[in-house]
C-alpha atoms as a PDB file:
ATOM      1  CA  UNK A   1     -22.463  32.538 -47.217  1.00  0.00           C
ATOM      2  CA  UNK A   2     -22.619  35.794 -49.567  1.00  0.00           C
ATOM      3  CA  UNK A   3     -24.486  35.894 -52.909  1.00  0.00           C
ATOM      4  CA  UNK A   4     -25.107  38.634 -55.676  1.00  0.00           C
ATOM      5  CA  UNK A   5     -28.702  39.100 -56.822  1.00  0.00           C
ATOM      6  CA  UNK A   6     -30.321  41.832 -58.980  1.00  0.00           C
ATOM      7  CA  UNK A   7     -31.247  43.726 -56.040  1.00  0.00           C
ATOM      8  CA  UNK A   8     -27.692  44.017 -55.122  1.00  0.00           C
ATOM      9  CA  UNK A   9     -25.676  42.346 -52.268  1.00  0.00           C
ATOM     10  CA  UNK A  10     -27.000  39.770 -50.090  1.00  0.00           C
ATOM     11  CA  UNK A  11     -25.518  38.561 -47.148  1.00  0.00           C
ATOM     12  CA  UNK A  12     -26.728  35.572 -44.980  1.00  0.00           C
ATOM     13  CA  UNK A  13     -25.871  35.388 -41.428  1.00  0.00           C
ATOM     14  CA  UNK A  14     -27.108  33.592 -38.605  1.00  0.00           C
ATOM     15  CA  UNK A  15     -30.297  35.051 -37.938  1.00  0.00           C
ATOM     16  CA  UNK A  16     -30.292  38.000 -40.247  1.00  0.00           C
ATOM     17  CA  UNK A  17     -30.484  38.386 -44.147  1.00  0.00           C
ATOM     18  CA  UNK A  18     -29.080  42.013 -45.380  1.00  0.00           C
ATOM     19  CA  UNK A  19     -29.832  43.323 -49.105  1.00  0.00           C
ATOM     20  CA  UNK A  20     -27.834  46.219 -50.013  1.00  0.00           C
ATOM     21  CA  UNK A  21     -29.812  48.023 -52.842  1.00  0.00           C
ATOM     22  CA  UNK A  22     -27.896  49.293 -55.795  1.00  0.00           C
ATOM     23  CA  UNK A  23     -30.859  51.101 -57.480  1.00  0.00           C
ATOM     24  CA  UNK A  24     -32.637  54.147 -56.029  1.00  0.00           C
ATOM     25  CA  UNK A  25     -35.524  53.189 -53.675  1.00  0.00           C
ATOM     26  CA  UNK A  26     -37.239  55.665 -51.381  1.00  0.00           C
ATOM     27  CA  UNK A  27     -39.290  55.549 -48.409  1.00  0.00           C
ATOM     28  CA  UNK A  28     -41.881  58.274 -47.358  1.00  0.00           C
ATOM     29  CA  UNK A  29     -45.139  58.866 -45.811  1.00  0.00           C
ATOM     30  CA  UNK A  30     -46.262  56.944 -42.541  1.00  0.00           C
ATOM     31  CA  UNK A  31     -45.378  60.306 -40.413  1.00  0.00           C
ATOM     32  CA  UNK A  32     -41.898  60.623 -41.994  1.00  0.00           C
ATOM     33  CA  UNK A  33     -40.843  64.299 -42.269  1.00  0.00           C
ATOM     34  CA  UNK A  34     -39.449  63.811 -45.592  1.00  0.00           C
ATOM     35  CA  UNK A  35     -38.213  61.368 -48.473  1.00  0.00           C
ATOM     36  CA  UNK A  36     -35.536  59.107 -47.610  1.00  0.00           C
ATOM     37  CA  UNK A  37     -33.290  56.935 -50.037  1.00  0.00           C
ATOM     38  CA  UNK A  38     -33.270  53.321 -48.673  1.00  0.00           C
ATOM     39  CA  UNK A  39     -29.733  51.740 -48.715  1.00  0.00           C
ATOM     40  CA  UNK A  40     -30.321  48.336 -47.366  1.00  0.00           C
ATOM     41  CA  UNK A  41     -33.210  45.985 -46.194  1.00  0.00           C
ATOM     42  CA  UNK A  42     -32.460  43.692 -43.390  1.00  0.00           C
ATOM     43  CA  UNK A  43     -34.589  40.709 -42.124  1.00  0.00           C
ATOM     44  CA  UNK A  44     -34.006  39.370 -38.566  1.00  0.00           C
ATOM     45  CA  UNK A  45     -35.297  36.251 -36.972  1.00  0.00           C
ATOM     46  CA  UNK A  46     -35.218  34.331 -33.799  1.00  0.00           C
ATOM     47  CA  UNK A  47     -37.279  31.363 -32.426  1.00  0.00           C
ATOM     48  CA  UNK A  48     -40.217  30.224 -34.146  1.00  0.00           C
ATOM     49  CA  UNK A  49     -42.242  30.668 -30.924  1.00  0.00           C
ATOM     50  CA  UNK A  50     -42.270  34.208 -31.529  1.00  0.00           C
ATOM     51  CA  UNK A  51     -40.120  34.945 -28.189  1.00  0.00           C
ATOM     52  CA  UNK A  52     -37.432  36.703 -30.182  1.00  0.00           C
ATOM     53  CA  UNK A  53     -35.959  37.833 -33.342  1.00  0.00           C
ATOM     54  CA  UNK A  54     -38.462  40.795 -34.315  1.00  0.00           C
ATOM     55  CA  UNK A  55     -37.045  44.180 -33.277  1.00  0.00           C
ATOM     56  CA  UNK A  56     -40.274  45.850 -33.655  1.00  0.00           C
ATOM     57  CA  UNK A  57     -43.684  44.886 -32.441  1.00  0.00           C
ATOM     58  CA  UNK A  58     -47.565  45.519 -33.625  1.00  0.00           C
ATOM     59  CA  UNK A  59     -49.917  46.087 -30.727  1.00  0.00           C
ATOM     60  CA  UNK A  60     -47.175  44.741 -28.174  1.00  0.00           C
ATOM     61  CA  UNK A  61     -47.009  41.564 -29.936  1.00  0.00           C
ATOM     62  CA  UNK A  62     -43.649  40.154 -31.926  1.00  0.00           C
ATOM     63  CA  UNK A  63     -43.867  38.082 -34.749  1.00  0.00           C
ATOM     64  CA  UNK A  64     -40.980  35.764 -36.181  1.00  0.00           C
ATOM     65  CA  UNK A  65     -39.985  36.267 -39.704  1.00  0.00           C
END
């Protein structure tokens, strides 16, 4: 299913929501070597038991969205 929202284009896919940003949003800090324009925000998810879904971890632990 695909929808348009204020932030831009949102695409729904099994286990993924992607938001394409139509305005200028920037990311900096946290050790990044400069200022970068954000084009898209993605949320991935898997099973609610936390065994899959997250691409990143915090202190070795993964968390479902």
